[in-house]
Amino acid sequence: MLRVQKFKIDEIYVPTARRKTLHPETVRLLAEDILENGQKTPIQVRFDGKRHILVEGLHRLEASKWLGEAFIDGYLVQARRH
């Protein structure tokens, strides 16, 4: 069973290929929703032995950064390597 944990936003690595899928307007709208309603869905990260790597939730992560948050709710998952 996965449990929600707090992750330090500035310590989460976002792979370059993931960054290319970022849509600024989506980030802005999501930030407004998080501000009004809180973060509804945790992000997913994996740990590669050195750092936490984003698996799912790029727009939620960027929206939280935009809001000036230091931590974000997330799940630590065991992701397959492709």
Protein backbone atom coordinates (compact mmCIF):
# COMPACT_ATOMS: atom_id res chain seq x y z
CA MET A 1 0.00 0.00 0.00
CA LEU A 2 1.39 3.37 -1.00
CA ARG A 3 1.36 6.14 1.55
CA VAL A 4 1.64 9.86 0.90
CA GLN A 5 4.99 11.39 1.83
CA LYS A 6 6.37 14.94 1.74
CA PHE A 7 9.16 15.55 -0.77
CA LYS A 8 11.35 18.64 -0.96
CA ILE A 9 10.49 20.24 -4.30
CA ASP A 10 13.98 21.50 -5.13
CA GLU A 11 15.42 17.98 -4.64
CA ILE A 12 13.21 16.32 -7.27
CA TYR A 13 14.95 15.75 -10.60
CA VAL A 14 12.83 16.16 -13.72
CA PRO A 15 14.25 14.29 -16.75
CA THR A 16 14.85 16.44 -19.82
CA ALA A 17 12.33 14.53 -21.96
CA ARG A 18 9.66 15.19 -19.31
CA ARG A 19 10.36 18.94 -19.27
CA LYS A 20 9.50 19.14 -22.97
CA THR A 21 5.88 18.18 -22.21
CA LEU A 22 5.30 21.18 -19.92
CA HIS A 23 2.42 23.53 -20.78
CA PRO A 24 2.63 26.88 -18.91
CA GLU A 25 -1.11 27.57 -19.14
CA THR A 26 -1.89 24.21 -17.54
CA VAL A 27 0.56 25.03 -14.73
CA ARG A 28 -1.16 28.37 -14.10
CA LEU A 29 -4.65 26.85 -14.01
CA LEU A 30 -3.50 24.01 -11.77
CA ALA A 31 -1.76 26.46 -9.41
CA GLU A 32 -5.03 28.38 -9.04
CA ASP A 33 -6.88 25.15 -8.28
CA ILE A 34 -4.26 24.04 -5.74
CA LEU A 35 -4.48 27.44 -4.07
CA GLU A 36 -8.27 27.14 -3.74
CA ASN A 37 -8.67 23.41 -3.08
CA GLY A 38 -5.27 22.02 -2.12
CA GLN A 39 -3.31 19.32 -3.90
CA LYS A 40 -5.76 16.53 -4.70
CA THR A 41 -3.48 13.96 -6.32
CA PRO A 42 0.04 13.22 -5.09
CA ILE A 43 2.91 13.14 -7.58
CA GLN A 44 4.96 9.98 -8.08
CA VAL A 45 8.73 9.80 -7.68
CA ARG A 46 11.26 7.01 -7.65
CA PHE A 47 14.60 6.91 -5.86
CA ASP A 48 17.60 5.84 -7.93
CA GLY A 49 19.98 5.59 -4.98
CA LYS A 50 21.12 9.20 -5.27
CA ARG A 51 18.07 11.37 -5.89
CA HIS A 52 14.30 11.42 -6.33
CA ILE A 53 13.23 11.36 -9.97
CA LEU A 54 9.81 12.49 -11.13
CA VAL A 55 7.70 9.67 -12.60
CA GLU A 56 4.29 11.35 -12.78
CA GLY A 57 2.96 14.83 -11.96
CA LEU A 58 5.07 17.39 -13.82
CA HIS A 59 2.35 20.04 -13.93
CA ARG A 60 1.49 19.56 -10.24
CA LEU A 61 5.19 19.91 -9.36
CA GLU A 62 5.60 23.07 -11.44
CA ALA A 63 2.37 24.55 -10.07
CA SER A 64 3.62 24.02 -6.52
CA LYS A 65 6.94 25.65 -7.43
CA TRP A 66 5.03 28.57 -8.94
CA LEU A 67 3.11 28.95 -5.67
CA GLY A 68 6.40 29.07 -3.73
CA GLU A 69 5.88 25.79 -1.90
CA ALA A 70 8.94 24.03 -0.45
CA PHE A 71 7.38 20.56 -0.17
CA ILE A 72 4.91 18.51 -2.20
CA ASP A 73 2.85 15.40 -1.43
CA GLY A 74 3.89 12.33 -3.37
CA TYR A 75 4.22 8.59 -3.54
CA LEU A 76 7.56 6.80 -3.65
CA VAL A 77 7.10 4.15 -6.34
CA GLN A 78 9.18 1.37 -7.82
CA ALA A 79 9.33 2.37 -11.47
CA ARG A 80 10.58 0.15 -14.24
CA ARG A 81 13.46 1.33 -16.32
CA HIS A 82 12.73 1.41 -20.03
